[in-house]
Amino acid sequence: MGLEIESRPSDSPFVEAVWRSRSRGVDRMTSVAATTWDLVVCEQRGRIMVTVQGPESAASRAPVPEEAAFVGITFALGTSMPHLPIGGLVNGAVDIPDATRRTFWLKGSAWRLPDYDNAEAFVRRLVREEVLVSDPLVADVLRGAPPDLSARTVQRRFLAATGFTRGAVERIHRAREAAHLLHAGIPALDVVHRLGYFDQPHLARSLSRFIGRTATQLRTRDPAEPMSLTYKT
């Protein structure tokens, strides 16, 4: 019962992870804040749906289609599809039309549905045909390597490539790391010191906003309402 999840890393610089899941006896989930975006293929009772799921600035409760199977590609931070500007996808999604059991329609062309094992080949074609692009400035900024550009230009390009400011990205990443640590049994006070929160109330506010769970709740699993720390539906 719940969501059966499997995920793997990718050797593609354009992809953060590839995942698949199946819903059984669960109708909702906690969707945590995420700076990345996903292409998701859903099969439910013979019907195929393809969706571009945008980044999320805060935690929310989301419905889960009943008895459905999903395959998702989580794209690396800084990647985008220029014909679907990332800023317009934050806290939203776009359904891709004309999906069949084999193909779907994207930017004027038919594409074979990606699966868990061939996701990288699918992404290579996206890049080759310039449907998917990446701004290397994002990685440089997050590494602390100052680009030879004005601060205003850096801010503008970072926001255009990610949909977020650098500060928002760092706050979301820190909250997700805190959730992983708490889920692994690390005491809350240790998490505060390790990740640079001011105090436990500061950590609690961050968890409430970005994760949708308290520190106590993160130490247990609730199969009736799973949480999307490594995947989305």
C-alpha atoms as a PDB file:
ATOM      1  CA  MET A   1       0.000   0.000   0.000  1.00  0.00           C
ATOM      2  CA  GLY A   2       1.178   3.552  -0.701  1.00  0.00           C
ATOM      3  CA  LEU A   3       3.715   4.621  -3.305  1.00  0.00           C
ATOM      4  CA  GLU A   4       6.319   2.080  -4.404  1.00  0.00           C
ATOM      5  CA  ILE A   5       9.372   4.121  -5.357  1.00  0.00           C
ATOM      6  CA  GLU A   6      12.576   3.388  -7.205  1.00  0.00           C
ATOM      7  CA  SER A   7      15.072   6.027  -8.307  1.00  0.00           C
ATOM      8  CA  ARG A   8      18.589   6.181  -9.684  1.00  0.00           C
ATOM      9  CA  PRO A   9      21.192   8.871 -10.374  1.00  0.00           C
ATOM     10  CA  SER A  10      22.179   9.747 -13.921  1.00  0.00           C
ATOM     11  CA  ASP A  11      25.503  10.336 -15.650  1.00  0.00           C
ATOM     12  CA  SER A  12      23.904  13.036 -17.808  1.00  0.00           C
ATOM     13  CA  PRO A  13      24.791  16.604 -16.746  1.00  0.00           C
ATOM     14  CA  PHE A  14      21.247  17.572 -17.682  1.00  0.00           C
ATOM     15  CA  VAL A  15      19.571  15.068 -15.358  1.00  0.00           C
ATOM     16  CA  GLU A  16      19.533  14.919 -11.571  1.00  0.00           C
ATOM     17  CA  ALA A  17      17.689  11.597 -11.258  1.00  0.00           C
ATOM     18  CA  VAL A  18      15.375   9.142 -12.988  1.00  0.00           C
ATOM     19  CA  TRP A  19      12.557   7.579 -10.994  1.00  0.00           C
ATOM     20  CA  ARG A  20       9.523   5.357 -11.286  1.00  0.00           C
ATOM     21  CA  SER A  21       6.677   4.637  -8.930  1.00  0.00           C
ATOM     22  CA  ARG A  22       3.330   2.932  -8.615  1.00  0.00           C
ATOM     23  CA  SER A  23       0.387   4.037  -6.489  1.00  0.00           C
ATOM     24  CA  ARG A  24      -1.573   1.482  -4.504  1.00  0.00           C
ATOM     25  CA  GLY A  25      -4.250   2.453  -2.031  1.00  0.00           C
ATOM     26  CA  VAL A  26      -3.100   6.048  -1.582  1.00  0.00           C
ATOM     27  CA  ASP A  27      -4.878   9.150  -2.836  1.00  0.00           C
ATOM     28  CA  ARG A  28      -2.722  12.041  -1.599  1.00  0.00           C
ATOM     29  CA  MET A  29       0.854  12.958  -0.804  1.00  0.00           C
ATOM     30  CA  THR A  30       2.910  15.768   0.653  1.00  0.00           C
ATOM     31  CA  SER A  31       4.750  17.395  -2.227  1.00  0.00           C
ATOM     32  CA  VAL A  32       7.794  19.124  -0.766  1.00  0.00           C
ATOM     33  CA  ALA A  33       9.449  22.244  -2.137  1.00  0.00           C
ATOM     34  CA  ALA A  34      11.815  21.498  -5.025  1.00  0.00           C
ATOM     35  CA  THR A  35      14.058  23.651  -7.191  1.00  0.00           C
ATOM     36  CA  THR A  36      14.105  21.106 -10.013  1.00  0.00           C
ATOM     37  CA  TRP A  37      11.437  20.237 -12.566  1.00  0.00           C
ATOM     38  CA  ASP A  38      10.289  16.918 -13.997  1.00  0.00           C
ATOM     39  CA  LEU A  39       8.933  15.327 -17.130  1.00  0.00           C
ATOM     40  CA  VAL A  40       6.468  12.700 -15.913  1.00  0.00           C
ATOM     41  CA  VAL A  41       4.807   9.893 -17.857  1.00  0.00           C
ATOM     42  CA  CYS A  42       1.743   8.451 -16.113  1.00  0.00           C
ATOM     43  CA  GLU A  43      -0.198   5.358 -17.149  1.00  0.00           C
ATOM     44  CA  GLN A  44      -3.566   4.860 -15.507  1.00  0.00           C
ATOM     45  CA  ARG A  45      -6.006   2.189 -16.680  1.00  0.00           C
ATOM     46  CA  GLY A  46      -4.648   2.258 -20.213  1.00  0.00           C
ATOM     47  CA  ARG A  47      -4.563   6.041 -20.492  1.00  0.00           C
ATOM     48  CA  ILE A  48      -1.191   7.782 -20.990  1.00  0.00           C
ATOM     49  CA  MET A  49      -0.548  11.282 -19.659  1.00  0.00           C
ATOM     50  CA  VAL A  50       2.670  13.293 -20.074  1.00  0.00           C
ATOM     51  CA  THR A  51       3.233  16.318 -17.862  1.00  0.00           C
ATOM     52  CA  VAL A  52       5.973  18.851 -17.280  1.00  0.00           C
ATOM     53  CA  GLN A  53       5.855  19.429 -13.524  1.00  0.00           C
ATOM     54  CA  GLY A  54       7.482  22.680 -12.468  1.00  0.00           C
ATOM     55  CA  PRO A  55       9.577  23.556  -9.437  1.00  0.00           C
ATOM     56  CA  GLU A  56       7.735  24.156  -6.166  1.00  0.00           C
ATOM     57  CA  SER A  57       8.420  27.043  -3.806  1.00  0.00           C
ATOM     58  CA  ALA A  58       6.646  25.520  -0.788  1.00  0.00           C
ATOM     59  CA  ALA A  59       5.239  22.241   0.437  1.00  0.00           C
ATOM     60  CA  SER A  60       1.680  21.364  -0.513  1.00  0.00           C
ATOM     61  CA  ARG A  61      -0.714  18.446  -0.461  1.00  0.00           C
ATOM     62  CA  ALA A  62      -1.223  16.855  -3.843  1.00  0.00           C
ATOM     63  CA  PRO A  63      -3.625  14.197  -5.154  1.00  0.00           C
ATOM     64  CA  VAL A  64      -2.224  10.864  -6.337  1.00  0.00           C
ATOM     65  CA  PRO A  65      -4.001   9.118  -9.236  1.00  0.00           C
ATOM     66  CA  GLU A  66      -5.380   5.767  -8.154  1.00  0.00           C
ATOM     67  CA  GLU A  67      -3.671   2.575  -9.366  1.00  0.00           C
ATOM     68  CA  ALA A  68      -1.254   4.446 -11.637  1.00  0.00           C
ATOM     69  CA  ALA A  69       2.328   3.874 -12.771  1.00  0.00           C
ATOM     70  CA  PHE A  70       4.787   6.747 -13.258  1.00  0.00           C
ATOM     71  CA  VAL A  71       8.164   7.291 -14.884  1.00  0.00           C
ATOM     72  CA  GLY A  72       9.860  10.614 -14.248  1.00  0.00           C
ATOM     73  CA  ILE A  73      13.002  12.470 -15.275  1.00  0.00           C
ATOM     74  CA  THR A  74      14.157  15.077 -12.763  1.00  0.00           C
ATOM     75  CA  PHE A  75      16.199  17.640 -14.663  1.00  0.00           C
ATOM     76  CA  ALA A  76      19.253  19.307 -13.179  1.00  0.00           C
ATOM     77  CA  LEU A  77      18.995  22.788 -11.747  1.00  0.00           C
ATOM     78  CA  GLY A  78      19.676  25.323 -14.493  1.00  0.00           C
ATOM     79  CA  THR A  79      18.154  23.274 -17.319  1.00  0.00           C
ATOM     80  CA  SER A  80      15.028  24.436 -19.102  1.00  0.00           C
ATOM     81  CA  MET A  81      12.942  24.115 -22.230  1.00  0.00           C
ATOM     82  CA  PRO A  82      12.985  27.594 -23.806  1.00  0.00           C
ATOM     83  CA  HIS A  83       9.507  27.136 -25.283  1.00  0.00           C
ATOM     84  CA  LEU A  84       8.229  26.504 -21.721  1.00  0.00           C
ATOM     85  CA  PRO A  85       9.931  29.253 -19.659  1.00  0.00           C
ATOM     86  CA  ILE A  86      10.800  27.919 -16.230  1.00  0.00           C
ATOM     87  CA  GLY A  87       9.449  30.998 -14.457  1.00  0.00           C
ATOM     88  CA  GLY A  88       5.976  30.176 -15.710  1.00  0.00           C
ATOM     89  CA  LEU A  89       6.232  26.611 -14.428  1.00  0.00           C
ATOM     90  CA  VAL A  90       6.987  27.406 -10.778  1.00  0.00           C
ATOM     91  CA  ASN A  91       4.170  25.929  -8.670  1.00  0.00           C
ATOM     92  CA  GLY A  92       2.468  24.706 -11.816  1.00  0.00           C
ATOM     93  CA  ALA A  93       2.445  22.094 -14.539  1.00  0.00           C
ATOM     94  CA  VAL A  94       1.820  21.773 -18.268  1.00  0.00           C
ATOM     95  CA  ASP A  95       0.088  18.754 -19.784  1.00  0.00           C
ATOM     96  CA  ILE A  96       1.667  17.626 -23.051  1.00  0.00           C
ATOM     97  CA  PRO A  97      -1.003  16.734 -25.634  1.00  0.00           C
ATOM     98  CA  ASP A  98      -1.569  13.746 -27.890  1.00  0.00           C
ATOM     99  CA  ALA A  99       0.164  11.108 -25.788  1.00  0.00           C
ATOM    100  CA  THR A 100      -0.236   7.483 -26.855  1.00  0.00           C
ATOM    101  CA  ARG A 101       1.289   4.293 -25.514  1.00  0.00           C
ATOM    102  CA  ARG A 102       4.360   4.938 -27.666  1.00  0.00           C
ATOM    103  CA  THR A 103       4.665   8.630 -28.476  1.00  0.00           C
ATOM    104  CA  PHE A 104       3.734  12.163 -27.475  1.00  0.00           C
ATOM    105  CA  TRP A 105       3.941  15.554 -29.153  1.00  0.00           C
ATOM    106  CA  LEU A 106       6.535  18.116 -28.018  1.00  0.00           C
ATOM    107  CA  LYS A 107       7.493  21.356 -29.759  1.00  0.00           C
ATOM    108  CA  GLY A 108       6.152  20.319 -33.136  1.00  0.00           C
ATOM    109  CA  SER A 109       7.621  16.811 -33.220  1.00  0.00           C
ATOM    110  CA  ALA A 110       6.619  13.303 -32.210  1.00  0.00           C
ATOM    111  CA  TRP A 111       8.764  11.776 -29.466  1.00  0.00           C
ATOM    112  CA  ARG A 112       8.934   8.217 -28.186  1.00  0.00           C
ATOM    113  CA  LEU A 113       7.934   7.927 -24.559  1.00  0.00           C
ATOM    114  CA  PRO A 114      10.988   7.725 -22.310  1.00  0.00           C
ATOM    115  CA  ASP A 115      11.236   4.882 -19.847  1.00  0.00           C
ATOM    116  CA  TYR A 116      13.283   4.198 -16.743  1.00  0.00           C
ATOM    117  CA  ASP A 117      16.145   2.629 -18.658  1.00  0.00           C
ATOM    118  CA  ASN A 118      16.417   4.843 -21.753  1.00  0.00           C
ATOM    119  CA  ALA A 119      15.909   8.282 -20.184  1.00  0.00           C
ATOM    120  CA  GLU A 120      19.423   9.460 -21.042  1.00  0.00           C
ATOM    121  CA  ALA A 121      18.982   8.657 -24.755  1.00  0.00           C
ATOM    122  CA  PHE A 122      15.744  10.638 -24.711  1.00  0.00           C
ATOM    123  CA  VAL A 123      17.499  13.587 -23.041  1.00  0.00           C
ATOM    124  CA  ARG A 124      20.366  13.487 -25.547  1.00  0.00           C
ATOM    125  CA  ARG A 125      17.858  13.957 -28.347  1.00  0.00           C
ATOM    126  CA  LEU A 126      16.227  16.845 -26.465  1.00  0.00           C
ATOM    127  CA  VAL A 127      19.624  18.538 -26.233  1.00  0.00           C
ATOM    128  CA  ARG A 128      20.601  17.743 -29.823  1.00  0.00           C
ATOM    129  CA  GLU A 129      17.409  19.306 -31.145  1.00  0.00           C
ATOM    130  CA  GLU A 130      17.740  22.292 -28.777  1.00  0.00           C
ATOM    131  CA  VAL A 131      14.504  21.543 -26.958  1.00  0.00           C
ATOM    132  CA  LEU A 132      16.488  21.352 -23.714  1.00  0.00           C
ATOM    133  CA  VAL A 133      19.213  23.826 -22.739  1.00  0.00           C
ATOM    134  CA  SER A 134      21.335  24.486 -19.669  1.00  0.00           C
ATOM    135  CA  ASP A 135      22.891  27.674 -18.327  1.00  0.00           C
ATOM    136  CA  PRO A 136      26.315  26.841 -16.803  1.00  0.00           C
ATOM    137  CA  LEU A 137      26.207  30.063 -14.791  1.00  0.00           C
ATOM    138  CA  VAL A 138      23.881  28.368 -12.285  1.00  0.00           C
ATOM    139  CA  ALA A 139      26.422  25.728 -11.309  1.00  0.00           C
ATOM    140  CA  ASP A 140      29.173  28.364 -11.152  1.00  0.00           C
ATOM    141  CA  VAL A 141      27.119  30.529  -8.797  1.00  0.00           C
ATOM    142  CA  LEU A 142      26.227  27.643  -6.481  1.00  0.00           C
ATOM    143  CA  ARG A 143      29.887  26.571  -6.364  1.00  0.00           C
ATOM    144  CA  GLY A 144      30.811  30.075  -5.296  1.00  0.00           C
ATOM    145  CA  ALA A 145      32.782  30.768  -8.469  1.00  0.00           C
ATOM    146  CA  PRO A 146      32.084  34.444  -9.259  1.00  0.00           C
ATOM    147  CA  PRO A 147      31.338  34.902 -12.970  1.00  0.00           C
ATOM    148  CA  ASP A 148      32.821  37.882 -14.756  1.00  0.00           C
ATOM    149  CA  LEU A 149      29.444  39.593 -14.987  1.00  0.00           C
ATOM    150  CA  SER A 150      27.609  42.303 -13.111  1.00  0.00           C
ATOM    151  CA  ALA A 151      25.615  41.243 -10.051  1.00  0.00           C
ATOM    152  CA  ARG A 152      22.398  42.319 -11.778  1.00  0.00           C
ATOM    153  CA  THR A 153      23.156  40.181 -14.847  1.00  0.00           C
ATOM    154  CA  VAL A 154      23.946  37.174 -12.654  1.00  0.00           C
ATOM    155  CA  GLN A 155      20.694  37.599 -10.725  1.00  0.00           C
ATOM    156  CA  ARG A 156      18.680  37.931 -13.915  1.00  0.00           C
ATOM    157  CA  ARG A 157      20.207  34.874 -15.580  1.00  0.00           C
ATOM    158  CA  PHE A 158      19.956  32.757 -12.426  1.00  0.00           C
ATOM    159  CA  LEU A 159      16.266  33.624 -12.045  1.00  0.00           C
ATOM    160  CA  ALA A 160      15.587  32.994 -15.746  1.00  0.00           C
ATOM    161  CA  ALA A 161      17.321  29.586 -15.648  1.00  0.00           C
ATOM    162  CA  THR A 162      15.822  28.320 -12.375  1.00  0.00           C
ATOM    163  CA  GLY A 163      12.676  30.290 -11.612  1.00  0.00           C
ATOM    164  CA  PHE A 164      14.160  31.190  -8.203  1.00  0.00           C
ATOM    165  CA  THR A 165      16.633  33.590  -6.660  1.00  0.00           C
ATOM    166  CA  ARG A 166      19.876  32.097  -5.369  1.00  0.00           C
ATOM    167  CA  GLY A 167      18.728  32.666  -1.778  1.00  0.00           C
ATOM    168  CA  ALA A 168      15.484  30.767  -2.361  1.00  0.00           C
ATOM    169  CA  VAL A 169      17.365  27.848  -3.903  1.00  0.00           C
ATOM    170  CA  GLU A 170      19.708  27.658  -0.920  1.00  0.00           C
ATOM    171  CA  ARG A 171      16.831  27.788   1.592  1.00  0.00           C
ATOM    172  CA  ILE A 172      14.962  24.979  -0.174  1.00  0.00           C
ATOM    173  CA  HIS A 173      18.083  22.832  -0.477  1.00  0.00           C
ATOM    174  CA  ARG A 174      18.872  23.326   3.213  1.00  0.00           C
ATOM    175  CA  ALA A 175      15.343  22.362   4.278  1.00  0.00           C
ATOM    176  CA  ARG A 176      15.445  19.204   2.161  1.00  0.00           C
ATOM    177  CA  GLU A 177      18.819  18.249   3.633  1.00  0.00           C
ATOM    178  CA  ALA A 178      17.424  18.861   7.129  1.00  0.00           C
ATOM    179  CA  ALA A 179      14.488  16.564   6.346  1.00  0.00           C
ATOM    180  CA  HIS A 180      16.843  13.796   5.196  1.00  0.00           C
ATOM    181  CA  LEU A 181      18.961  14.132   8.337  1.00  0.00           C
ATOM    182  CA  LEU A 182      15.964  14.113  10.670  1.00  0.00           C
ATOM    183  CA  HIS A 183      14.482  11.146   8.837  1.00  0.00           C
ATOM    184  CA  ALA A 184      17.791   9.343   9.389  1.00  0.00           C
ATOM    185  CA  GLY A 185      17.492   9.934  13.142  1.00  0.00           C
ATOM    186  CA  ILE A 186      19.852  12.896  13.590  1.00  0.00           C
ATOM    187  CA  PRO A 187      18.685  14.988  16.599  1.00  0.00           C
ATOM    188  CA  ALA A 188      17.089  18.320  15.705  1.00  0.00           C
ATOM    189  CA  LEU A 189      19.662  20.342  17.663  1.00  0.00           C
ATOM    190  CA  ASP A 190      22.486  18.665  15.730  1.00  0.00           C
ATOM    191  CA  VAL A 191      20.707  19.497  12.458  1.00  0.00           C
ATOM    192  CA  VAL A 192      20.439  23.143  13.553  1.00  0.00           C
ATOM    193  CA  HIS A 193      24.189  23.372  14.126  1.00  0.00           C
ATOM    194  CA  ARG A 194      25.182  21.285  11.117  1.00  0.00           C
ATOM    195  CA  LEU A 195      23.127  23.277   8.608  1.00  0.00           C
ATOM    196  CA  GLY A 196      23.462  26.747  10.095  1.00  0.00           C
ATOM    197  CA  TYR A 197      19.940  27.433  11.339  1.00  0.00           C
ATOM    198  CA  PHE A 198      19.703  30.129  14.035  1.00  0.00           C
ATOM    199  CA  ASP A 199      17.860  27.869  16.468  1.00  0.00           C
ATOM    200  CA  GLN A 200      15.232  25.118  16.595  1.00  0.00           C
ATOM    201  CA  PRO A 201      12.283  27.494  15.949  1.00  0.00           C
ATOM    202  CA  HIS A 202      14.077  28.642  12.775  1.00  0.00           C
ATOM    203  CA  LEU A 203      14.434  25.010  11.691  1.00  0.00           C
ATOM    204  CA  ALA A 204      10.783  24.348  12.541  1.00  0.00           C
ATOM    205  CA  ARG A 205       9.584  27.274  10.407  1.00  0.00           C
ATOM    206  CA  SER A 206      11.714  26.105   7.488  1.00  0.00           C
ATOM    207  CA  LEU A 207      10.380  22.545   7.734  1.00  0.00           C
ATOM    208  CA  SER A 208       6.798  23.771   7.923  1.00  0.00           C
ATOM    209  CA  ARG A 209       7.162  25.959   4.846  1.00  0.00           C
ATOM    210  CA  PHE A 210       9.282  23.784   2.579  1.00  0.00           C
ATOM    211  CA  ILE A 211       8.693  20.201   3.767  1.00  0.00           C
ATOM    212  CA  GLY A 212       5.210  20.269   5.287  1.00  0.00           C
ATOM    213  CA  ARG A 213       6.232  18.093   8.256  1.00  0.00           C
ATOM    214  CA  THR A 214       7.539  18.664  11.754  1.00  0.00           C
ATOM    215  CA  ALA A 215      10.836  17.229  12.972  1.00  0.00           C
ATOM    216  CA  THR A 216       8.904  14.618  14.958  1.00  0.00           C
ATOM    217  CA  GLN A 217       6.826  13.599  11.940  1.00  0.00           C
ATOM    218  CA  LEU A 218       9.959  13.209   9.825  1.00  0.00           C
ATOM    219  CA  ARG A 219      11.241  10.511  12.160  1.00  0.00           C
ATOM    220  CA  THR A 220       8.288   8.282  11.256  1.00  0.00           C
ATOM    221  CA  ARG A 221       6.673   7.189   7.991  1.00  0.00           C
ATOM    222  CA  ASP A 222       3.010   7.770   7.242  1.00  0.00           C
ATOM    223  CA  PRO A 223       2.031   5.334   4.462  1.00  0.00           C
ATOM    224  CA  ALA A 224      -1.372   7.032   4.131  1.00  0.00           C
ATOM    225  CA  GLU A 225       0.344  10.232   2.964  1.00  0.00           C
ATOM    226  CA  PRO A 226       3.848   9.700   1.516  1.00  0.00           C
ATOM    227  CA  MET A 227       6.293  12.517   0.919  1.00  0.00           C
ATOM    228  CA  SER A 228       8.111  13.482  -2.285  1.00  0.00           C
ATOM    229  CA  LEU A 229      11.688  13.999  -1.215  1.00  0.00           C
ATOM    230  CA  THR A 230      13.199  12.179  -4.193  1.00  0.00           C
ATOM    231  CA  TYR A 231      10.328  12.017  -6.633  1.00  0.00           C
ATOM    232  CA  LYS A 232       7.177  13.727  -7.813  1.00  0.00           C
ATOM    233  CA  THR A 233       3.818  12.613  -9.108  1.00  0.00           C
END
